[in-house]
Amino acid sequence: MYPKTIAGLISCYVAALPFFRNALLGDLGYTALLFGGFHLLERRFGVLKQQTGARPVTLATTSRARPG
C-alpha cells in the first residue's frame, strides 16, 4: 500500500494520526477514571491512604534472619 521508502513511512504515519488521536483520548480517559476512582476510594476508606513516616517494605525489612 505504501512504498518502502522514507516518504512512504511518513505518509503512513500521517494517515494514522486520526487513529492515534482516538487512542490518546482513550488512554487519558481511562487514566483519569482509574486515578480519580482511587482518589475517591482513598477519601471513603481511610485505610487506603499511605501512612506518613512509615518505612517502605523492602526485602531487608521482611527477612526473618535470626539474631546472632
PDB file of N, CA and C in Angstrom:
ATOM      1  N   MET A   1       0.832  -1.189   0.000  1.00  0.00           N
ATOM      2  CA  MET A   1       0.000   0.000   0.000  1.00  0.00           C
ATOM      3  C   MET A   1       0.879   1.255   0.000  1.00  0.00           C
ATOM      4  N   TYR A   2       1.879   1.294   0.843  1.00  0.00           N
ATOM      5  CA  TYR A   2       2.814   2.412   0.868  1.00  0.00           C
ATOM      6  C   TYR A   2       4.159   1.924   0.359  1.00  0.00           C
ATOM      7  N   PRO A   3       4.881   2.768  -0.372  1.00  0.00           N
ATOM      8  CA  PRO A   3       6.214   2.349  -0.828  1.00  0.00           C
ATOM      9  C   PRO A   3       7.164   2.222   0.359  1.00  0.00           C
ATOM     10  N   LYS A   4       8.132   1.332   0.243  1.00  0.00           N
ATOM     11  CA  LYS A   4       9.086   1.094   1.331  1.00  0.00           C
ATOM     12  C   LYS A   4      10.225   2.102   1.253  1.00  0.00           C
ATOM     13  N   THR A   5       9.842   3.358   1.421  1.00  0.00           N
ATOM     14  CA  THR A   5      10.796   4.469   1.432  1.00  0.00           C
ATOM     15  C   THR A   5      10.466   5.366   2.615  1.00  0.00           C
ATOM     16  N   ILE A   6      11.300   6.355   2.822  1.00  0.00           N
ATOM     17  CA  ILE A   6      11.038   7.336   3.894  1.00  0.00           C
ATOM     18  C   ILE A   6       9.736   8.084   3.612  1.00  0.00           C
ATOM     19  N   ALA A   7       9.486   8.415   2.361  1.00  0.00           N
ATOM     20  CA  ALA A   7       8.248   9.116   2.008  1.00  0.00           C
ATOM     21  C   ALA A   7       7.032   8.234   2.294  1.00  0.00           C
ATOM     22  N   GLY A   8       7.142   6.938   2.027  1.00  0.00           N
ATOM     23  CA  GLY A   8       6.040   6.027   2.324  1.00  0.00           C
ATOM     24  C   GLY A   8       5.795   5.899   3.819  1.00  0.00           C
ATOM     25  N   LEU A   9       6.884   5.870   4.602  1.00  0.00           N
ATOM     26  CA  LEU A   9       6.752   5.799   6.059  1.00  0.00           C
ATOM     27  C   LEU A   9       6.077   7.052   6.599  1.00  0.00           C
ATOM     28  N   ILE A  10       6.484   8.201   6.095  1.00  0.00           N
ATOM     29  CA  ILE A  10       5.891   9.466   6.548  1.00  0.00           C
ATOM     30  C   ILE A  10       4.413   9.521   6.176  1.00  0.00           C
ATOM     31  N   SER A  11       4.059   9.108   4.953  1.00  0.00           N
ATOM     32  CA  SER A  11       2.645   9.145   4.561  1.00  0.00           C
ATOM     33  C   SER A  11       1.824   8.147   5.377  1.00  0.00           C
ATOM     34  N   CYS A  12       2.413   7.020   5.745  1.00  0.00           N
ATOM     35  CA  CYS A  12       1.719   6.053   6.607  1.00  0.00           C
ATOM     36  C   CYS A  12       1.454   6.656   7.986  1.00  0.00           C
ATOM     37  N   TYR A  13       2.463   7.323   8.550  1.00  0.00           N
ATOM     38  CA  TYR A  13       2.282   7.958   9.862  1.00  0.00           C
ATOM     39  C   TYR A  13       1.242   9.064   9.802  1.00  0.00           C
ATOM     40  N   VAL A  14       1.245   9.839   8.721  1.00  0.00           N
ATOM     41  CA  VAL A  14       0.269  10.923   8.585  1.00  0.00           C
ATOM     42  C   VAL A  14      -1.147  10.343   8.483  1.00  0.00           C
ATOM     43  N   ALA A  15      -1.298   9.231   7.758  1.00  0.00           N
ATOM     44  CA  ALA A  15      -2.614   8.604   7.628  1.00  0.00           C
ATOM     45  C   ALA A  15      -3.089   8.020   8.953  1.00  0.00           C
ATOM     46  N   ALA A  16      -2.170   7.692   9.869  1.00  0.00           N
ATOM     47  CA  ALA A  16      -2.538   7.084  11.148  1.00  0.00           C
ATOM     48  C   ALA A  16      -2.864   8.112  12.229  1.00  0.00           C
ATOM     49  N   LEU A  17      -2.638   9.381  11.982  1.00  0.00           N
ATOM     50  CA  LEU A  17      -2.861  10.407  13.013  1.00  0.00           C
ATOM     51  C   LEU A  17      -4.288  10.418  13.574  1.00  0.00           C
ATOM     52  N   PRO A  18      -5.336  10.302  12.777  1.00  0.00           N
ATOM     53  CA  PRO A  18      -6.689  10.290  13.380  1.00  0.00           C
ATOM     54  C   PRO A  18      -6.891   9.129  14.356  1.00  0.00           C
ATOM     55  N   PHE A  19      -6.303   7.963  14.073  1.00  0.00           N
ATOM     56  CA  PHE A  19      -6.435   6.826  14.969  1.00  0.00           C
ATOM     57  C   PHE A  19      -5.623   7.044  16.243  1.00  0.00           C
ATOM     58  N   PHE A  20      -4.478   7.680  16.110  1.00  0.00           N
ATOM     59  CA  PHE A  20      -3.648   7.971  17.282  1.00  0.00           C
ATOM     60  C   PHE A  20      -4.367   8.933  18.212  1.00  0.00           C
ATOM     61  N   ARG A  21      -5.063   9.906  17.653  1.00  0.00           N
ATOM     62  CA  ARG A  21      -5.809  10.859  18.490  1.00  0.00           C
ATOM     63  C   ARG A  21      -6.850  10.127  19.328  1.00  0.00           C
ATOM     64  N   ASN A  22      -7.567   9.194  18.714  1.00  0.00           N
ATOM     65  CA  ASN A  22      -8.583   8.438  19.453  1.00  0.00           C
ATOM     66  C   ASN A  22      -7.951   7.566  20.534  1.00  0.00           C
ATOM     67  N   ALA A  23      -6.821   6.943  20.214  1.00  0.00           N
ATOM     68  CA  ALA A  23      -6.132   6.111  21.202  1.00  0.00           C
ATOM     69  C   ALA A  23      -5.644   6.972  22.367  1.00  0.00           C
ATOM     70  N   LEU A  24      -5.116   8.142  22.052  1.00  0.00           N
ATOM     71  CA  LEU A  24      -4.622   9.041  23.098  1.00  0.00           C
ATOM     72  C   LEU A  24      -5.763   9.529  23.988  1.00  0.00           C
ATOM     73  N   LEU A  25      -6.882   9.866  23.385  1.00  0.00           N
ATOM     74  CA  LEU A  25      -8.036  10.299  24.182  1.00  0.00           C
ATOM     75  C   LEU A  25      -8.560   9.166  25.060  1.00  0.00           C
ATOM     76  N   GLY A  26      -8.563   7.961  24.546  1.00  0.00           N
ATOM     77  CA  GLY A  26      -8.986   6.809  25.348  1.00  0.00           C
ATOM     78  C   GLY A  26      -8.047   6.562  26.514  1.00  0.00           C
ATOM     79  N   ASP A  27      -6.744   6.653  26.271  1.00  0.00           N
ATOM     80  CA  ASP A  27      -5.762   6.474  27.354  1.00  0.00           C
ATOM     81  C   ASP A  27      -5.931   7.527  28.431  1.00  0.00           C
ATOM     82  N   LEU A  28      -6.134   8.772  28.018  1.00  0.00           N
ATOM     83  CA  LEU A  28      -6.329   9.847  29.002  1.00  0.00           C
ATOM     84  C   LEU A  28      -7.613   9.637  29.804  1.00  0.00           C
ATOM     85  N   GLY A  29      -8.663   9.183  29.135  1.00  0.00           N
ATOM     86  CA  GLY A  29      -9.926   8.929  29.839  1.00  0.00           C
ATOM     87  C   GLY A  29      -9.801   7.815  30.873  1.00  0.00           C
ATOM     88  N   TYR A  30      -9.173   6.703  30.483  1.00  0.00           N
ATOM     89  CA  TYR A  30      -9.007   5.598  31.428  1.00  0.00           C
ATOM     90  C   TYR A  30      -8.067   5.968  32.573  1.00  0.00           C
ATOM     91  N   THR A  31      -7.036   6.761  32.274  1.00  0.00           N
ATOM     92  CA  THR A  31      -6.135   7.198  33.334  1.00  0.00           C
ATOM     93  C   THR A  31      -6.873   8.066  34.345  1.00  0.00           C
ATOM     94  N   ALA A  32      -7.672   8.992  33.852  1.00  0.00           N
ATOM     95  CA  ALA A  32      -8.458   9.841  34.757  1.00  0.00           C
ATOM     96  C   ALA A  32      -9.444   9.003  35.562  1.00  0.00           C
ATOM     97  N   LEU A  33     -10.052   8.019  34.929  1.00  0.00           N
ATOM     98  CA  LEU A  33     -11.009   7.159  35.628  1.00  0.00           C
ATOM     99  C   LEU A  33     -10.328   6.355  36.734  1.00  0.00           C
ATOM    100  N   LEU A  34      -9.182   5.764  36.433  1.00  0.00           N
ATOM    101  CA  LEU A  34      -8.504   4.935  37.431  1.00  0.00           C
ATOM    102  C   LEU A  34      -7.949   5.759  38.588  1.00  0.00           C
ATOM    103  N   PHE A  35      -7.223   6.836  38.277  1.00  0.00           N
ATOM    104  CA  PHE A  35      -6.644   7.635  39.351  1.00  0.00           C
ATOM    105  C   PHE A  35      -7.719   8.405  40.113  1.00  0.00           C
ATOM    106  N   GLY A  36      -8.727   8.916  39.415  1.00  0.00           N
ATOM    107  CA  GLY A  36      -9.817   9.608  40.089  1.00  0.00           C
ATOM    108  C   GLY A  36     -10.625   8.664  40.962  1.00  0.00           C
ATOM    109  N   GLY A  37     -10.859   7.453  40.461  1.00  0.00           N
ATOM    110  CA  GLY A  37     -11.574   6.459  41.255  1.00  0.00           C
ATOM    111  C   GLY A  37     -10.810   6.071  42.502  1.00  0.00           C
ATOM    112  N   PHE A  38      -9.490   5.901  42.367  1.00  0.00           N
ATOM    113  CA  PHE A  38      -8.702   5.555  43.541  1.00  0.00           C
ATOM    114  C   PHE A  38      -8.682   6.709  44.544  1.00  0.00           C
ATOM    115  N   HIS A  39      -8.646   7.938  44.053  1.00  0.00           N
ATOM    116  CA  HIS A  39      -8.689   9.088  44.964  1.00  0.00           C
ATOM    117  C   HIS A  39     -10.005   9.101  45.744  1.00  0.00           C
ATOM    118  N   LEU A  40     -11.109   8.823  45.059  1.00  0.00           N
ATOM    119  CA  LEU A  40     -12.394   8.779  45.756  1.00  0.00           C
ATOM    120  C   LEU A  40     -12.438   7.639  46.773  1.00  0.00           C
ATOM    121  N   LEU A  41     -11.849   6.484  46.431  1.00  0.00           N
ATOM    122  CA  LEU A  41     -11.795   5.373  47.378  1.00  0.00           C
ATOM    123  C   LEU A  41     -10.924   5.708  48.581  1.00  0.00           C
ATOM    124  N   GLU A  42      -9.825   6.442  48.362  1.00  0.00           N
ATOM    125  CA  GLU A  42      -8.986   6.869  49.486  1.00  0.00           C
ATOM    126  C   GLU A  42      -9.748   7.782  50.434  1.00  0.00           C
ATOM    127  N   ARG A  43     -10.556   8.662  49.862  1.00  0.00           N
ATOM    128  CA  ARG A  43     -11.337   9.561  50.710  1.00  0.00           C
ATOM    129  C   ARG A  43     -12.400   8.801  51.488  1.00  0.00           C
ATOM    130  N   ARG A  44     -12.967   7.758  50.877  1.00  0.00           N
ATOM    131  CA  ARG A  44     -14.039   6.995  51.520  1.00  0.00           C
ATOM    132  C   ARG A  44     -13.488   6.010  52.540  1.00  0.00           C
ATOM    133  N   PHE A  45     -12.401   5.329  52.189  1.00  0.00           N
ATOM    134  CA  PHE A  45     -11.801   4.322  53.061  1.00  0.00           C
ATOM    135  C   PHE A  45     -10.405   4.785  53.453  1.00  0.00           C
ATOM    136  N   GLY A  46     -10.270   5.295  54.648  1.00  0.00           N
ATOM    137  CA  GLY A  46      -9.013   5.869  55.107  1.00  0.00           C
ATOM    138  C   GLY A  46      -7.865   4.878  55.169  1.00  0.00           C
ATOM    139  N   VAL A  47      -8.162   3.585  55.225  1.00  0.00           N
ATOM    140  CA  VAL A  47      -7.104   2.589  55.324  1.00  0.00           C
ATOM    141  C   VAL A  47      -6.266   2.547  54.040  1.00  0.00           C
ATOM    142  N   LEU A  48      -6.787   3.056  52.946  1.00  0.00           N
ATOM    143  CA  LEU A  48      -6.045   3.050  51.682  1.00  0.00           C
ATOM    144  C   LEU A  48      -4.993   4.146  51.605  1.00  0.00           C
ATOM    145  N   LYS A  49      -5.089   5.145  52.469  1.00  0.00           N
ATOM    146  CA  LYS A  49      -4.125   6.239  52.427  1.00  0.00           C
ATOM    147  C   LYS A  49      -2.763   5.770  52.889  1.00  0.00           C
ATOM    148  N   GLN A  50      -1.731   6.326  52.256  1.00  0.00           N
ATOM    149  CA  GLN A  50      -0.366   5.968  52.635  1.00  0.00           C
ATOM    150  C   GLN A  50      -0.042   6.623  53.976  1.00  0.00           C
ATOM    151  N   GLN A  51       0.527   5.841  54.859  1.00  0.00           N
ATOM    152  CA  GLN A  51       0.879   6.345  56.174  1.00  0.00           C
ATOM    153  C   GLN A  51       2.128   7.218  56.055  1.00  0.00           C
ATOM    154  N   THR A  52       2.105   8.391  56.663  1.00  0.00           N
ATOM    155  CA  THR A  52       3.286   9.249  56.642  1.00  0.00           C
ATOM    156  C   THR A  52       4.268   8.774  57.702  1.00  0.00           C
ATOM    157  N   GLY A  53       5.508   8.778  57.349  1.00  0.00           N
ATOM    158  CA  GLY A  53       6.537   8.361  58.285  1.00  0.00           C
ATOM    159  C   GLY A  53       6.735   6.865  58.331  1.00  0.00           C
ATOM    160  N   ALA A  54       5.957   6.120  57.604  1.00  0.00           N
ATOM    161  CA  ALA A  54       6.101   4.662  57.600  1.00  0.00           C
ATOM    162  C   ALA A  54       7.242   4.272  56.675  1.00  0.00           C
ATOM    163  N   ARG A  55       7.974   3.242  57.068  1.00  0.00           N
ATOM    164  CA  ARG A  55       9.050   2.752  56.224  1.00  0.00           C
ATOM    165  C   ARG A  55       8.474   1.928  55.096  1.00  0.00           C
ATOM    166  N   PRO A  56       9.035   2.062  53.898  1.00  0.00           N
ATOM    167  CA  PRO A  56       8.567   1.205  52.812  1.00  0.00           C
ATOM    168  C   PRO A  56       9.004  -0.231  53.056  1.00  0.00           C
ATOM    169  N   VAL A  57       8.202  -1.160  52.650  1.00  0.00           N
ATOM    170  CA  VAL A  57       8.515  -2.572  52.835  1.00  0.00           C
ATOM    171  C   VAL A  57       9.546  -2.976  51.792  1.00  0.00           C
ATOM    172  N   THR A  58      10.670  -3.498  52.248  1.00  0.00           N
ATOM    173  CA  THR A  58      11.714  -3.980  51.350  1.00  0.00           C
ATOM    174  C   THR A  58      12.075  -5.395  51.759  1.00  0.00           C
ATOM    175  N   LEU A  59      12.883  -6.026  50.981  1.00  0.00           N
ATOM    176  CA  LEU A  59      13.314  -7.391  51.312  1.00  0.00           C
ATOM    177  C   LEU A  59      14.100  -7.421  52.602  1.00  0.00           C
ATOM    178  N   ALA A  60      14.866  -6.375  52.876  1.00  0.00           N
ATOM    179  CA  ALA A  60      15.680  -6.338  54.084  1.00  0.00           C
ATOM    180  C   ALA A  60      14.810  -6.260  55.340  1.00  0.00           C
ATOM    181  N   THR A  61      13.680  -5.562  55.266  1.00  0.00           N
ATOM    182  CA  THR A  61      12.850  -5.412  56.465  1.00  0.00           C
ATOM    183  C   THR A  61      11.905  -6.583  56.653  1.00  0.00           C
ATOM    184  N   THR A  62      11.716  -7.402  55.619  1.00  0.00           N
ATOM    185  CA  THR A  62      10.798  -8.516  55.750  1.00  0.00           C
ATOM    186  C   THR A  62      11.497  -9.850  55.927  1.00  0.00           C
ATOM    187  N   SER A  63      12.821  -9.848  55.902  1.00  0.00           N
ATOM    188  CA  SER A  63      13.527 -11.123  56.060  1.00  0.00           C
ATOM    189  C   SER A  63      13.434 -11.593  57.510  1.00  0.00           C
ATOM    190  N   ARG A  64      13.497 -12.878  57.704  1.00  0.00           N
ATOM    191  CA  ARG A  64      13.355 -13.457  59.041  1.00  0.00           C
ATOM    192  C   ARG A  64      14.695 -13.986  59.529  1.00  0.00           C
ATOM    193  N   ALA A  65      15.700 -13.149  59.402  1.00  0.00           N
ATOM    194  CA  ALA A  65      17.037 -13.572  59.869  1.00  0.00           C
ATOM    195  C   ALA A  65      17.031 -13.628  61.382  1.00  0.00           C
ATOM    196  N   ARG A  66      17.628 -14.656  61.937  1.00  0.00           N
ATOM    197  CA  ARG A  66      17.694 -14.804  63.381  1.00  0.00           C
ATOM    198  C   ARG A  66      18.826 -13.946  63.932  1.00  0.00           C
ATOM    199  N   PRO A  67      18.584 -13.317  65.068  1.00  0.00           N
ATOM    200  CA  PRO A  67      19.654 -12.505  65.663  1.00  0.00           C
ATOM    201  C   PRO A  67      20.826 -13.409  66.062  1.00  0.00           C
ATOM    202  N   GLY A  68      22.015 -12.888  65.815  1.00  0.00           N
ATOM    203  CA  GLY A  68      23.204 -13.699  66.004  1.00  0.00           C
ATOM    204  C   GLY A  68      23.720 -13.679  67.365  1.00  0.00           C
TER     205      GLY A  68
END
